[in-house]
Amino acid sequence: MKKKKITIGSGGCGNVQPTGTTTALRAVDDVTIYRNFEVPLRVELIIDGGVACCDE
């Protein structure tokens, strides 16, 4: 299922994708990744949509 827009990172919660997992982010418009988001080694992150990386 695609969402219109996805924003991840910052926000004060756990922003580290767990080791050994696969996450797929699918958005019609864009996927925005803010700082403090980590994808460790041996983790698969799939992003489908426009991608914007911000350093705030």
N, C-alpha and C. Protein backbone atom coordinates (compact mmCIF):
# COMPACT_ATOMS: atom_id res chain seq x y z
N MET A 1 0.83 -1.18 0.00
CA MET A 1 0.00 0.00 0.00
C MET A 1 0.89 1.25 0.00
N LYS A 2 0.59 2.19 -0.87
CA LYS A 2 1.34 3.44 -0.93
C LYS A 2 0.59 4.52 -0.15
N LYS A 3 1.34 5.30 0.63
CA LYS A 3 0.79 6.48 1.29
C LYS A 3 1.08 7.68 0.41
N LYS A 4 0.40 8.78 0.67
CA LYS A 4 0.63 10.00 -0.11
C LYS A 4 2.03 10.54 0.17
N LYS A 5 2.43 10.59 1.45
CA LYS A 5 3.71 11.16 1.83
C LYS A 5 4.18 10.47 3.11
N ILE A 6 5.49 10.21 3.22
CA ILE A 6 6.07 9.61 4.42
C ILE A 6 7.20 10.50 4.90
N THR A 7 7.22 10.80 6.23
CA THR A 7 8.28 11.57 6.84
C THR A 7 8.83 10.76 8.00
N ILE A 8 10.16 10.55 8.03
CA ILE A 8 10.78 9.78 9.11
C ILE A 8 12.01 10.50 9.62
N GLY A 9 12.45 10.12 10.83
CA GLY A 9 13.62 10.72 11.45
C GLY A 9 13.24 11.83 12.41
N SER A 10 14.18 12.23 13.27
CA SER A 10 13.96 13.20 14.34
C SER A 10 12.77 12.76 15.18
N GLY A 11 12.05 13.69 15.77
CA GLY A 11 10.84 13.35 16.51
C GLY A 11 11.05 12.75 17.88
N GLY A 12 12.28 12.53 18.32
CA GLY A 12 12.53 12.05 19.67
C GLY A 12 12.26 10.58 19.92
N CYS A 13 11.90 9.80 18.93
CA CYS A 13 11.67 8.37 19.15
C CYS A 13 12.82 7.57 18.58
N GLY A 14 12.77 6.25 18.71
CA GLY A 14 13.83 5.40 18.19
C GLY A 14 13.86 5.45 16.67
N ASN A 15 14.88 6.05 16.12
CA ASN A 15 14.99 6.22 14.68
C ASN A 15 16.09 5.36 14.08
N VAL A 16 16.22 4.14 14.62
CA VAL A 16 17.19 3.19 14.11
C VAL A 16 16.43 1.96 13.65
N GLN A 17 16.62 1.59 12.41
CA GLN A 17 15.96 0.40 11.90
C GLN A 17 16.64 -0.82 12.53
N PRO A 18 15.88 -1.75 13.12
CA PRO A 18 16.48 -2.90 13.80
C PRO A 18 17.30 -3.78 12.85
N THR A 19 18.42 -4.29 13.36
CA THR A 19 19.29 -5.18 12.59
C THR A 19 18.52 -6.43 12.18
N GLY A 20 18.77 -6.88 10.95
CA GLY A 20 18.14 -8.09 10.44
C GLY A 20 16.73 -7.89 9.91
N THR A 21 16.33 -6.63 9.71
CA THR A 21 14.98 -6.36 9.22
C THR A 21 15.01 -5.79 7.80
N THR A 22 13.87 -5.85 7.16
CA THR A 22 13.66 -5.21 5.86
C THR A 22 12.47 -4.29 6.00
N THR A 23 12.64 -3.03 5.60
CA THR A 23 11.55 -2.06 5.65
C THR A 23 11.35 -1.48 4.26
N ALA A 24 10.11 -1.38 3.83
CA ALA A 24 9.77 -0.77 2.54
C ALA A 24 8.93 0.46 2.80
N LEU A 25 9.36 1.60 2.27
CA LEU A 25 8.61 2.85 2.37
C LEU A 25 8.14 3.21 0.97
N ARG A 26 6.83 3.24 0.77
CA ARG A 26 6.27 3.53 -0.55
C ARG A 26 5.33 4.71 -0.43
N ALA A 27 5.60 5.77 -1.20
CA ALA A 27 4.78 6.97 -1.16
C ALA A 27 4.54 7.47 -2.58
N VAL A 28 3.36 8.02 -2.80
CA VAL A 28 3.01 8.58 -4.10
C VAL A 28 3.80 9.86 -4.35
N ASP A 29 3.83 10.77 -3.36
CA ASP A 29 4.51 12.06 -3.53
C ASP A 29 5.99 12.00 -3.16
N ASP A 30 6.28 11.76 -1.87
CA ASP A 30 7.69 11.75 -1.47
C ASP A 30 7.89 11.05 -0.14
N VAL A 31 9.14 10.65 0.08
CA VAL A 31 9.61 10.11 1.36
C VAL A 31 10.65 11.10 1.85
N THR A 32 10.41 11.73 3.01
CA THR A 32 11.33 12.71 3.56
C THR A 32 12.04 12.09 4.75
N ILE A 33 13.37 12.11 4.72
CA ILE A 33 14.18 11.55 5.80
C ILE A 33 14.92 12.70 6.49
N TYR A 34 14.58 12.93 7.77
CA TYR A 34 15.27 13.95 8.55
C TYR A 34 16.46 13.33 9.27
N ARG A 35 17.32 14.17 9.82
CA ARG A 35 18.50 13.66 10.52
C ARG A 35 18.08 12.75 11.67
N ASN A 36 19.05 12.11 12.26
CA ASN A 36 18.85 11.17 13.36
C ASN A 36 18.07 9.94 12.94
N PHE A 37 18.25 9.50 11.71
CA PHE A 37 17.68 8.25 11.24
C PHE A 37 18.83 7.37 10.79
N GLU A 38 18.90 6.16 11.31
CA GLU A 38 20.03 5.27 11.02
C GLU A 38 19.56 3.95 10.42
N VAL A 39 20.30 3.50 9.42
CA VAL A 39 20.09 2.19 8.83
C VAL A 39 21.42 1.45 8.97
N PRO A 40 21.53 0.54 9.96
CA PRO A 40 22.79 -0.16 10.19
C PRO A 40 23.14 -1.14 9.07
N LEU A 41 24.35 -1.68 9.13
CA LEU A 41 24.77 -2.73 8.20
C LEU A 41 23.86 -3.94 8.37
N ARG A 42 23.71 -4.71 7.31
CA ARG A 42 22.89 -5.92 7.27
C ARG A 42 21.40 -5.62 7.46
N VAL A 43 20.97 -4.44 7.05
CA VAL A 43 19.57 -4.05 7.09
C VAL A 43 19.18 -3.59 5.69
N GLU A 44 17.99 -3.94 5.26
CA GLU A 44 17.53 -3.55 3.93
C GLU A 44 16.45 -2.48 4.07
N LEU A 45 16.64 -1.35 3.40
CA LEU A 45 15.67 -0.26 3.37
C LEU A 45 15.32 0.01 1.92
N ILE A 46 14.06 -0.16 1.58
CA ILE A 46 13.58 0.06 0.21
C ILE A 46 12.73 1.33 0.23
N ILE A 47 13.07 2.28 -0.64
CA ILE A 47 12.32 3.54 -0.73
C ILE A 47 11.80 3.68 -2.15
N ASP A 48 10.49 3.83 -2.27
CA ASP A 48 9.83 3.97 -3.56
C ASP A 48 9.04 5.27 -3.55
N GLY A 49 9.52 6.26 -4.28
CA GLY A 49 8.86 7.58 -4.31
C GLY A 49 9.92 8.65 -4.43
N GLY A 50 9.50 9.89 -4.47
CA GLY A 50 10.46 10.99 -4.46
C GLY A 50 11.18 11.00 -3.13
N VAL A 51 12.46 11.33 -3.10
CA VAL A 51 13.23 11.29 -1.86
C VAL A 51 13.85 12.66 -1.62
N ALA A 52 13.65 13.20 -0.41
CA ALA A 52 14.26 14.46 -0.01
C ALA A 52 14.98 14.24 1.31
N CYS A 53 16.25 14.60 1.40
CA CYS A 53 17.00 14.48 2.64
C CYS A 53 17.25 15.89 3.18
N CYS A 54 16.85 16.13 4.42
CA CYS A 54 16.98 17.45 5.04
C CYS A 54 17.92 17.39 6.21
N ASP A 55 18.72 18.42 6.39
CA ASP A 55 19.60 18.54 7.55
C ASP A 55 19.16 19.75 8.34
N GLU A 56 18.27 19.52 9.30
CA GLU A 56 17.74 20.64 10.11
C GLU A 56 18.38 20.65 11.46
